[in-house]
Amino acid sequence: LLFRLCGDFNPLHADPAAANAAGFERPILH
């Protein structure tokens, strides 16, 4: 959540639903 402020707002790293849809149990680190 801190690192995304550097400019990478891919929801995979912040939104649990987006992470689950991509096959991850929770948001992953960039």
PDB file of all heavy atoms in Angstrom:
ATOM      1  N   LEU A   1       0.832  -1.205   0.000  1.00  0.00           N
ATOM      2  CA  LEU A   1       0.000   0.000   0.000  1.00  0.00           C
ATOM      3  C   LEU A   1       0.867   1.256   0.000  1.00  0.00           C
ATOM      4  O   LEU A   1       0.496   2.278  -0.589  1.00  0.00           O
ATOM      5  CB  LEU A   1      -0.925  -0.004   1.220  1.00  0.00           C
ATOM      6  CG  LEU A   1      -1.936  -1.149   1.276  1.00  0.00           C
ATOM      7  CD1 LEU A   1      -2.732  -1.087   2.581  1.00  0.00           C
ATOM      8  CD2 LEU A   1      -2.868  -1.114   0.072  1.00  0.00           C
ATOM      9  N   LEU A   2       2.025   1.179   0.656  1.00  0.00           N
ATOM     10  CA  LEU A   2       2.963   2.297   0.626  1.00  0.00           C
ATOM     11  C   LEU A   2       3.659   2.387  -0.724  1.00  0.00           C
ATOM     12  O   LEU A   2       3.719   3.463  -1.336  1.00  0.00           O
ATOM     13  CB  LEU A   2       3.998   2.135   1.747  1.00  0.00           C
ATOM     14  CG  LEU A   2       5.163   3.139   1.765  1.00  0.00           C
ATOM     15  CD1 LEU A   2       4.639   4.558   1.950  1.00  0.00           C
ATOM     16  CD2 LEU A   2       6.155   2.789   2.872  1.00  0.00           C
ATOM     17  N   PHE A   3       4.147   1.244  -1.224  1.00  0.00           N
ATOM     18  CA  PHE A   3       4.925   1.274  -2.462  1.00  0.00           C
ATOM     19  C   PHE A   3       4.079   1.707  -3.655  1.00  0.00           C
ATOM     20  O   PHE A   3       4.603   2.329  -4.590  1.00  0.00           O
ATOM     21  CB  PHE A   3       5.554  -0.090  -2.728  1.00  0.00           C
ATOM     22  CG  PHE A   3       6.537  -0.073  -3.870  1.00  0.00           C
ATOM     23  CD1 PHE A   3       7.843   0.335  -3.663  1.00  0.00           C
ATOM     24  CD2 PHE A   3       6.158  -0.434  -5.153  1.00  0.00           C
ATOM     25  CE1 PHE A   3       8.750   0.388  -4.707  1.00  0.00           C
ATOM     26  CE2 PHE A   3       7.052  -0.398  -6.208  1.00  0.00           C
ATOM     27  CZ  PHE A   3       8.351   0.017  -5.988  1.00  0.00           C
ATOM     28  N   ARG A   4       2.792   1.398  -3.667  1.00  0.00           N
ATOM     29  CA  ARG A   4       1.964   1.778  -4.810  1.00  0.00           C
ATOM     30  C   ARG A   4       1.930   3.295  -5.002  1.00  0.00           C
ATOM     31  O   ARG A   4       1.675   3.784  -6.110  1.00  0.00           O
ATOM     32  CB  ARG A   4       0.551   1.198  -4.674  1.00  0.00           C
ATOM     33  CG  ARG A   4      -0.288   1.833  -3.585  1.00  0.00           C
ATOM     34  CD  ARG A   4      -1.512   0.987  -3.256  1.00  0.00           C
ATOM     35  NE  ARG A   4      -2.382   0.814  -4.411  1.00  0.00           N
ATOM     36  CZ  ARG A   4      -3.457   1.570  -4.660  1.00  0.00           C
ATOM     37  NH1 ARG A   4      -3.773   2.559  -3.838  1.00  0.00           N
ATOM     38  NH2 ARG A   4      -4.211   1.346  -5.719  1.00  0.00           N
ATOM     39  N   LEU A   5       2.208   4.067  -3.935  1.00  0.00           N
ATOM     40  CA  LEU A   5       2.246   5.519  -4.058  1.00  0.00           C
ATOM     41  C   LEU A   5       3.428   5.995  -4.893  1.00  0.00           C
ATOM     42  O   LEU A   5       3.486   7.160  -5.281  1.00  0.00           O
ATOM     43  CB  LEU A   5       2.289   6.163  -2.666  1.00  0.00           C
ATOM     44  CG  LEU A   5       1.104   5.843  -1.749  1.00  0.00           C
ATOM     45  CD1 LEU A   5       1.259   6.550  -0.415  1.00  0.00           C
ATOM     46  CD2 LEU A   5      -0.213   6.213  -2.408  1.00  0.00           C
ATOM     47  N   CYS A   6       4.365   5.085  -5.193  1.00  0.00           N
ATOM     48  CA  CYS A   6       5.467   5.416  -6.105  1.00  0.00           C
ATOM     49  C   CYS A   6       4.992   5.451  -7.559  1.00  0.00           C
ATOM     50  O   CYS A   6       5.752   5.848  -8.446  1.00  0.00           O
ATOM     51  CB  CYS A   6       6.600   4.401  -5.956  1.00  0.00           C
ATOM     52  SG  CYS A   6       7.400   4.415  -4.334  1.00  0.00           S
ATOM     53  N   GLY A   7       3.755   5.002  -7.816  1.00  0.00           N
ATOM     54  CA  GLY A   7       3.209   5.137  -9.162  1.00  0.00           C
ATOM     55  C   GLY A   7       2.672   3.872  -9.790  1.00  0.00           C
ATOM     56  O   GLY A   7       2.166   3.910 -10.907  1.00  0.00           O
ATOM     57  N   ASP A   8       2.719   2.737  -9.068  1.00  0.00           N
ATOM     58  CA  ASP A   8       2.211   1.477  -9.622  1.00  0.00           C
ATOM     59  C   ASP A   8       0.911   1.124  -8.909  1.00  0.00           C
ATOM     60  O   ASP A   8       0.915   0.564  -7.821  1.00  0.00           O
ATOM     61  CB  ASP A   8       3.243   0.363  -9.456  1.00  0.00           C
ATOM     62  CG  ASP A   8       2.837  -0.920 -10.175  1.00  0.00           C
ATOM     63  OD1 ASP A   8       1.640  -1.088 -10.455  1.00  0.00           O
ATOM     64  OD2 ASP A   8       3.723  -1.747 -10.449  1.00  0.00           O
ATOM     65  N   PHE A   9      -0.220   1.462  -9.556  1.00  0.00           N
ATOM     66  CA  PHE A   9      -1.527   1.308  -8.917  1.00  0.00           C
ATOM     67  C   PHE A   9      -2.275   0.057  -9.383  1.00  0.00           C
ATOM     68  O   PHE A   9      -3.497  -0.013  -9.286  1.00  0.00           O
ATOM     69  CB  PHE A   9      -2.374   2.561  -9.157  1.00  0.00           C
ATOM     70  CG  PHE A   9      -1.849   3.779  -8.458  1.00  0.00           C
ATOM     71  CD1 PHE A   9      -1.062   4.701  -9.145  1.00  0.00           C
ATOM     72  CD2 PHE A   9      -2.093   3.989  -7.123  1.00  0.00           C
ATOM     73  CE1 PHE A   9      -0.558   5.821  -8.503  1.00  0.00           C
ATOM     74  CE2 PHE A   9      -1.597   5.102  -6.469  1.00  0.00           C
ATOM     75  CZ  PHE A   9      -0.822   6.023  -7.149  1.00  0.00           C
ATOM     76  N   ASN A  10      -1.554  -0.932  -9.886  1.00  0.00           N
ATOM     77  CA  ASN A  10      -2.179  -2.194 -10.262  1.00  0.00           C
ATOM     78  C   ASN A  10      -2.946  -2.742  -9.057  1.00  0.00           C
ATOM     79  O   ASN A  10      -2.356  -2.947  -7.986  1.00  0.00           O
ATOM     80  CB  ASN A  10      -1.100  -3.185 -10.717  1.00  0.00           C
ATOM     81  CG  ASN A  10      -1.682  -4.460 -11.309  1.00  0.00           C
ATOM     82  OD1 ASN A  10      -2.772  -4.904 -10.956  1.00  0.00           O
ATOM     83  ND2 ASN A  10      -0.939  -5.062 -12.219  1.00  0.00           N
ATOM     84  N   PRO A  11      -4.258  -3.000  -9.181  1.00  0.00           N
ATOM     85  CA  PRO A  11      -5.043  -3.463  -8.027  1.00  0.00           C
ATOM     86  C   PRO A  11      -4.600  -4.801  -7.474  1.00  0.00           C
ATOM     87  O   PRO A  11      -4.959  -5.162  -6.350  1.00  0.00           O
ATOM     88  CB  PRO A  11      -6.471  -3.522  -8.581  1.00  0.00           C
ATOM     89  CG  PRO A  11      -6.332  -3.599 -10.061  1.00  0.00           C
ATOM     90  CD  PRO A  11      -5.092  -2.820 -10.392  1.00  0.00           C
ATOM     91  N   LEU A  12      -3.807  -5.538  -8.235  1.00  0.00           N
ATOM     92  CA  LEU A  12      -3.266  -6.809  -7.773  1.00  0.00           C
ATOM     93  C   LEU A  12      -2.515  -6.653  -6.456  1.00  0.00           C
ATOM     94  O   LEU A  12      -2.409  -7.593  -5.671  1.00  0.00           O
ATOM     95  CB  LEU A  12      -2.322  -7.359  -8.849  1.00  0.00           C
ATOM     96  CG  LEU A  12      -1.664  -8.713  -8.653  1.00  0.00           C
ATOM     97  CD1 LEU A  12      -2.717  -9.810  -8.631  1.00  0.00           C
ATOM     98  CD2 LEU A  12      -0.649  -8.976  -9.767  1.00  0.00           C
ATOM     99  N   HIS A  13      -2.010  -5.432  -6.190  1.00  0.00           N
ATOM    100  CA  HIS A  13      -1.180  -5.191  -5.013  1.00  0.00           C
ATOM    101  C   HIS A  13      -1.945  -4.528  -3.867  1.00  0.00           C
ATOM    102  O   HIS A  13      -1.350  -4.256  -2.819  1.00  0.00           O
ATOM    103  CB  HIS A  13       0.010  -4.315  -5.396  1.00  0.00           C
ATOM    104  CG  HIS A  13       0.799  -4.853  -6.544  1.00  0.00           C
ATOM    105  ND1 HIS A  13       1.508  -6.030  -6.466  1.00  0.00           N
ATOM    106  CD2 HIS A  13       0.958  -4.402  -7.816  1.00  0.00           C
ATOM    107  CE1 HIS A  13       2.085  -6.266  -7.633  1.00  0.00           C
ATOM    108  NE2 HIS A  13       1.764  -5.301  -8.466  1.00  0.00           N
ATOM    109  N   ALA A  14      -3.241  -4.293  -4.063  1.00  0.00           N
ATOM    110  CA  ALA A  14      -3.993  -3.585  -3.028  1.00  0.00           C
ATOM    111  C   ALA A  14      -5.395  -4.140  -2.797  1.00  0.00           C
ATOM    112  O   ALA A  14      -5.918  -4.039  -1.689  1.00  0.00           O
ATOM    113  CB  ALA A  14      -4.092  -2.095  -3.387  1.00  0.00           C
ATOM    114  N   ASP A  15      -5.998  -4.705  -3.819  1.00  0.00           N
ATOM    115  CA  ASP A  15      -7.395  -5.134  -3.760  1.00  0.00           C
ATOM    116  C   ASP A  15      -7.457  -6.656  -3.597  1.00  0.00           C
ATOM    117  O   ASP A  15      -7.079  -7.398  -4.514  1.00  0.00           O
ATOM    118  CB  ASP A  15      -8.105  -4.705  -5.044  1.00  0.00           C
ATOM    119  CG  ASP A  15      -9.576  -5.077  -5.058  1.00  0.00           C
ATOM    120  OD1 ASP A  15     -10.052  -5.699  -4.090  1.00  0.00           O
ATOM    121  OD2 ASP A  15     -10.257  -4.748  -6.054  1.00  0.00           O
ATOM    122  N   PRO A  16      -7.933  -7.152  -2.446  1.00  0.00           N
ATOM    123  CA  PRO A  16      -7.996  -8.610  -2.252  1.00  0.00           C
ATOM    124  C   PRO A  16      -8.807  -9.324  -3.335  1.00  0.00           C
ATOM    125  O   PRO A  16      -8.439 -10.435  -3.753  1.00  0.00           O
ATOM    126  CB  PRO A  16      -8.651  -8.752  -0.876  1.00  0.00           C
ATOM    127  CG  PRO A  16      -8.307  -7.483  -0.161  1.00  0.00           C
ATOM    128  CD  PRO A  16      -8.324  -6.423  -1.224  1.00  0.00           C
ATOM    129  N   ALA A  17      -9.886  -8.706  -3.808  1.00  0.00           N
ATOM    130  CA  ALA A  17     -10.704  -9.338  -4.844  1.00  0.00           C
ATOM    131  C   ALA A  17      -9.924  -9.472  -6.144  1.00  0.00           C
ATOM    132  O   ALA A  17      -9.997 -10.511  -6.827  1.00  0.00           O
ATOM    133  CB  ALA A  17     -11.985  -8.535  -5.065  1.00  0.00           C
ATOM    134  N   ALA A  18      -9.164  -8.429  -6.510  1.00  0.00           N
ATOM    135  CA  ALA A  18      -8.351  -8.493  -7.732  1.00  0.00           C
ATOM    136  C   ALA A  18      -7.252  -9.538  -7.591  1.00  0.00           C
ATOM    137  O   ALA A  18      -6.947 -10.255  -8.557  1.00  0.00           O
ATOM    138  CB  ALA A  18      -7.743  -7.115  -8.026  1.00  0.00           C
ATOM    139  N   ALA A  19      -6.656  -9.629  -6.411  1.00  0.00           N
ATOM    140  CA  ALA A  19      -5.616 -10.642  -6.183  1.00  0.00           C
ATOM    141  C   ALA A  19      -6.206 -12.051  -6.278  1.00  0.00           C
ATOM    142  O   ALA A  19      -5.612 -12.934  -6.903  1.00  0.00           O
ATOM    143  CB  ALA A  19      -4.958 -10.422  -4.818  1.00  0.00           C
ATOM    144  N   ASN A  20      -7.379 -12.264  -5.686  1.00  0.00           N
ATOM    145  CA  ASN A  20      -8.033 -13.570  -5.756  1.00  0.00           C
ATOM    146  C   ASN A  20      -8.364 -13.947  -7.193  1.00  0.00           C
ATOM    147  O   ASN A  20      -8.167 -15.095  -7.615  1.00  0.00           O
ATOM    148  CB  ASN A  20      -9.318 -13.575  -4.926  1.00  0.00           C
ATOM    149  CG  ASN A  20      -9.074 -13.501  -3.427  1.00  0.00           C
ATOM    150  OD1 ASN A  20      -9.970 -13.147  -2.667  1.00  0.00           O
ATOM    151  ND2 ASN A  20      -7.853 -13.798  -2.980  1.00  0.00           N
ATOM    152  N   ALA A  21      -8.844 -12.963  -7.976  1.00  0.00           N
ATOM    153  CA  ALA A  21      -9.193 -13.229  -9.369  1.00  0.00           C
ATOM    154  C   ALA A  21      -7.968 -13.620 -10.189  1.00  0.00           C
ATOM    155  O   ALA A  21      -8.081 -14.349 -11.184  1.00  0.00           O
ATOM    156  CB  ALA A  21      -9.873 -11.997  -9.973  1.00  0.00           C
ATOM    157  N   ALA A  22      -6.796 -13.133  -9.770  1.00  0.00           N
ATOM    158  CA  ALA A  22      -5.550 -13.460 -10.470  1.00  0.00           C
ATOM    159  C   ALA A  22      -4.905 -14.739  -9.945  1.00  0.00           C
ATOM    160  O   ALA A  22      -3.837 -15.128 -10.424  1.00  0.00           O
ATOM    161  CB  ALA A  22      -4.566 -12.296 -10.348  1.00  0.00           C
ATOM    162  N   GLY A  23      -5.543 -15.364  -8.940  1.00  0.00           N
ATOM    163  CA  GLY A  23      -5.042 -16.634  -8.443  1.00  0.00           C
ATOM    164  C   GLY A  23      -4.192 -16.549  -7.192  1.00  0.00           C
ATOM    165  O   GLY A  23      -3.542 -17.532  -6.816  1.00  0.00           O
ATOM    166  N   PHE A  24      -4.197 -15.385  -6.515  1.00  0.00           N
ATOM    167  CA  PHE A  24      -3.407 -15.211  -5.304  1.00  0.00           C
ATOM    168  C   PHE A  24      -4.332 -15.133  -4.092  1.00  0.00           C
ATOM    169  O   PHE A  24      -5.431 -14.580  -4.169  1.00  0.00           O
ATOM    170  CB  PHE A  24      -2.543 -13.950  -5.385  1.00  0.00           C
ATOM    171  CG  PHE A  24      -1.553 -13.973  -6.525  1.00  0.00           C
ATOM    172  CD1 PHE A  24      -1.782 -13.222  -7.675  1.00  0.00           C
ATOM    173  CD2 PHE A  24      -0.414 -14.760  -6.459  1.00  0.00           C
ATOM    174  CE1 PHE A  24      -0.884 -13.251  -8.731  1.00  0.00           C
ATOM    175  CE2 PHE A  24       0.485 -14.796  -7.509  1.00  0.00           C
ATOM    176  CZ  PHE A  24       0.252 -14.040  -8.651  1.00  0.00           C
ATOM    177  N   GLU A  25      -3.862 -15.650  -2.963  1.00  0.00           N
ATOM    178  CA  GLU A  25      -4.698 -15.674  -1.767  1.00  0.00           C
ATOM    179  C   GLU A  25      -4.919 -14.283  -1.189  1.00  0.00           C
ATOM    180  O   GLU A  25      -5.907 -14.039  -0.492  1.00  0.00           O
ATOM    181  CB  GLU A  25      -4.064 -16.582  -0.705  1.00  0.00           C
ATOM    182  CG  GLU A  25      -2.698 -16.110  -0.222  1.00  0.00           C
ATOM    183  CD  GLU A  25      -2.055 -17.086   0.744  1.00  0.00           C
ATOM    184  OE1 GLU A  25      -1.751 -18.211   0.332  1.00  0.00           O
ATOM    185  OE2 GLU A  25      -1.865 -16.700   1.917  1.00  0.00           O
ATOM    186  N   ARG A  26      -3.996 -13.369  -1.472  1.00  0.00           N
ATOM    187  CA  ARG A  26      -4.099 -11.982  -1.006  1.00  0.00           C
ATOM    188  C   ARG A  26      -3.194 -11.111  -1.865  1.00  0.00           C
ATOM    189  O   ARG A  26      -2.396 -11.638  -2.657  1.00  0.00           O
ATOM    190  CB  ARG A  26      -3.734 -11.861   0.472  1.00  0.00           C
ATOM    191  CG  ARG A  26      -2.390 -12.452   0.864  1.00  0.00           C
ATOM    192  CD  ARG A  26      -2.292 -12.586   2.365  1.00  0.00           C
ATOM    193  NE  ARG A  26      -1.151 -13.352   2.813  1.00  0.00           N
ATOM    194  CZ  ARG A  26      -0.004 -12.831   3.237  1.00  0.00           C
ATOM    195  NH1 ARG A  26       0.150 -11.512   3.246  1.00  0.00           N
ATOM    196  NH2 ARG A  26       0.990 -13.603   3.650  1.00  0.00           N
ATOM    197  N   PRO A  27      -3.306  -9.787  -1.757  1.00  0.00           N
ATOM    198  CA  PRO A  27      -2.459  -8.919  -2.587  1.00  0.00           C
ATOM    199  C   PRO A  27      -0.972  -9.232  -2.400  1.00  0.00           C
ATOM    200  O   PRO A  27      -0.518  -9.525  -1.293  1.00  0.00           O
ATOM    201  CB  PRO A  27      -2.818  -7.512  -2.085  1.00  0.00           C
ATOM    202  CG  PRO A  27      -4.232  -7.644  -1.616  1.00  0.00           C
ATOM    203  CD  PRO A  27      -4.303  -9.016  -0.977  1.00  0.00           C
ATOM    204  N   ILE A  28      -0.238  -9.161  -3.497  1.00  0.00           N
ATOM    205  CA  ILE A  28       1.187  -9.469  -3.475  1.00  0.00           C
ATOM    206  C   ILE A  28       1.999  -8.179  -3.559  1.00  0.00           C
ATOM    207  O   ILE A  28       1.488  -7.124  -3.961  1.00  0.00           O
ATOM    208  CB  ILE A  28       1.580 -10.421  -4.618  1.00  0.00           C
ATOM    209  CG1 ILE A  28       1.307  -9.767  -5.990  1.00  0.00           C
ATOM    210  CG2 ILE A  28       0.848 -11.742  -4.496  1.00  0.00           C
ATOM    211  CD1 ILE A  28       1.794 -10.583  -7.186  1.00  0.00           C
ATOM    212  N   LEU A  29       3.265  -8.271  -3.190  1.00  0.00           N
ATOM    213  CA  LEU A  29       4.157  -7.124  -3.259  1.00  0.00           C
ATOM    214  C   LEU A  29       4.585  -6.896  -4.703  1.00  0.00           C
ATOM    215  O   LEU A  29       4.735  -7.838  -5.485  1.00  0.00           O
ATOM    216  CB  LEU A  29       5.382  -7.372  -2.383  1.00  0.00           C
ATOM    217  CG  LEU A  29       6.242  -6.165  -2.007  1.00  0.00           C
ATOM    218  CD1 LEU A  29       5.439  -5.139  -1.211  1.00  0.00           C
ATOM    219  CD2 LEU A  29       7.460  -6.607  -1.206  1.00  0.00           C
ATOM    220  N   HIS A  30       4.782  -5.651  -5.080  1.00  0.00           N
ATOM    221  CA  HIS A  30       5.242  -5.317  -6.417  1.00  0.00           C
ATOM    222  C   HIS A  30       6.625  -5.925  -6.678  1.00  0.00           C
ATOM    223  O   HIS A  30       7.498  -5.903  -5.802  1.00  0.00           O
ATOM    224  CB  HIS A  30       5.380  -3.793  -6.579  1.00  0.00           C
ATOM    225  CG  HIS A  30       4.142  -3.017  -6.236  1.00  0.00           C
ATOM    226  ND1 HIS A  30       3.666  -2.900  -4.949  1.00  0.00           N
ATOM    227  CD2 HIS A  30       3.303  -2.284  -7.019  1.00  0.00           C
ATOM    228  CE1 HIS A  30       2.580  -2.141  -4.946  1.00  0.00           C
ATOM    229  NE2 HIS A  30       2.343  -1.765  -6.183  1.00  0.00           N
TER     230      HIS A  30
END
